[in-house]
């Protein structure tokens, strides 16, 4: 059985802390966001979309272009 001293345990704890910090930094670096072009396309579509209530059908969806 391997024996650990108090200083060994402190060193392991410090190394664990450093690893956790590194992992948290990598998670933040990998955050993705959509392109401005994609957001613009979605907003333009939502402006052109018209949904009207109908007497015969429930709703009618139209693209106003």
Protein backbone atom coordinates (compact mmCIF):
# COMPACT_ATOMS: atom_id res chain seq x y z
CA UNK A 1 0.00 0.00 0.00
CA UNK A 2 1.33 3.41 -0.95
CA UNK A 3 1.68 6.02 1.77
CA UNK A 4 1.04 9.73 1.23
CA UNK A 5 2.42 12.54 3.32
CA UNK A 6 0.61 15.73 4.13
CA UNK A 7 2.70 17.63 1.57
CA UNK A 8 1.81 15.03 -1.10
CA UNK A 9 -1.89 15.56 -0.44
CA UNK A 10 -1.46 19.34 -0.61
CA UNK A 11 0.34 19.04 -3.94
CA UNK A 12 -2.42 16.80 -5.33
CA UNK A 13 -5.04 19.29 -4.17
CA UNK A 14 -3.22 22.16 -5.87
CA UNK A 15 -2.91 20.17 -9.09
CA UNK A 16 -6.63 19.37 -9.02
CA UNK A 17 -7.42 23.03 -8.56
CA UNK A 18 -5.22 24.00 -11.52
CA UNK A 19 -6.93 21.38 -13.69
CA UNK A 20 -10.37 22.66 -12.74
CA UNK A 21 -9.35 26.21 -13.66
CA UNK A 22 -8.04 25.01 -17.03
CA UNK A 23 -11.22 23.05 -17.73
CA UNK A 24 -13.41 26.04 -16.92
CA UNK A 25 -11.37 28.25 -19.27
CA UNK A 26 -11.71 25.76 -22.12
CA UNK A 27 -15.49 25.59 -21.66
CA UNK A 28 -15.74 29.36 -21.94
CA UNK A 29 -13.50 29.42 -25.03
CA UNK A 30 -15.66 26.86 -26.85
CA UNK A 31 -18.91 28.81 -26.56
CA UNK A 32 -20.36 29.28 -30.01
CA UNK A 33 -22.69 31.96 -31.29
CA UNK A 34 -24.56 32.26 -34.58
CA UNK A 35 -23.20 34.39 -37.39
CA UNK A 36 -24.63 37.89 -37.78
CA UNK A 37 -25.84 36.81 -41.21
CA UNK A 38 -27.89 33.99 -39.66
CA UNK A 39 -29.51 36.31 -37.14
CA UNK A 40 -30.27 38.80 -39.89
CA UNK A 41 -31.91 36.08 -42.01
CA UNK A 42 -34.12 34.95 -39.14
CA UNK A 43 -35.19 38.51 -38.34
CA UNK A 44 -35.96 39.24 -42.00
CA UNK A 45 -38.04 36.08 -42.26
CA UNK A 46 -40.01 37.00 -39.16
CA UNK A 47 -40.74 40.45 -40.63
CA UNK A 48 -41.96 38.94 -43.91
CA UNK A 49 -44.12 36.26 -42.27
CA UNK A 50 -47.82 37.03 -41.87
CA UNK A 51 -50.20 34.74 -40.00
CA UNK A 52 -53.91 35.56 -40.23
CA UNK A 53 -56.93 33.93 -38.66
CA UNK A 54 -59.34 32.52 -41.22
CA UNK A 55 -63.06 31.79 -41.09
CA UNK A 56 -62.73 28.49 -42.99
CA UNK A 57 -59.29 27.43 -41.83
CA UNK A 58 -57.72 28.04 -38.45
CA UNK A 59 -54.79 30.16 -39.66
CA UNK A 60 -53.22 31.16 -42.96
CA UNK A 61 -49.46 31.69 -43.16
CA UNK A 62 -48.11 33.93 -45.93
CA UNK A 63 -44.67 35.25 -46.87
CA UNK A 64 -45.07 38.90 -47.88
CA UNK A 65 -42.42 39.19 -50.59
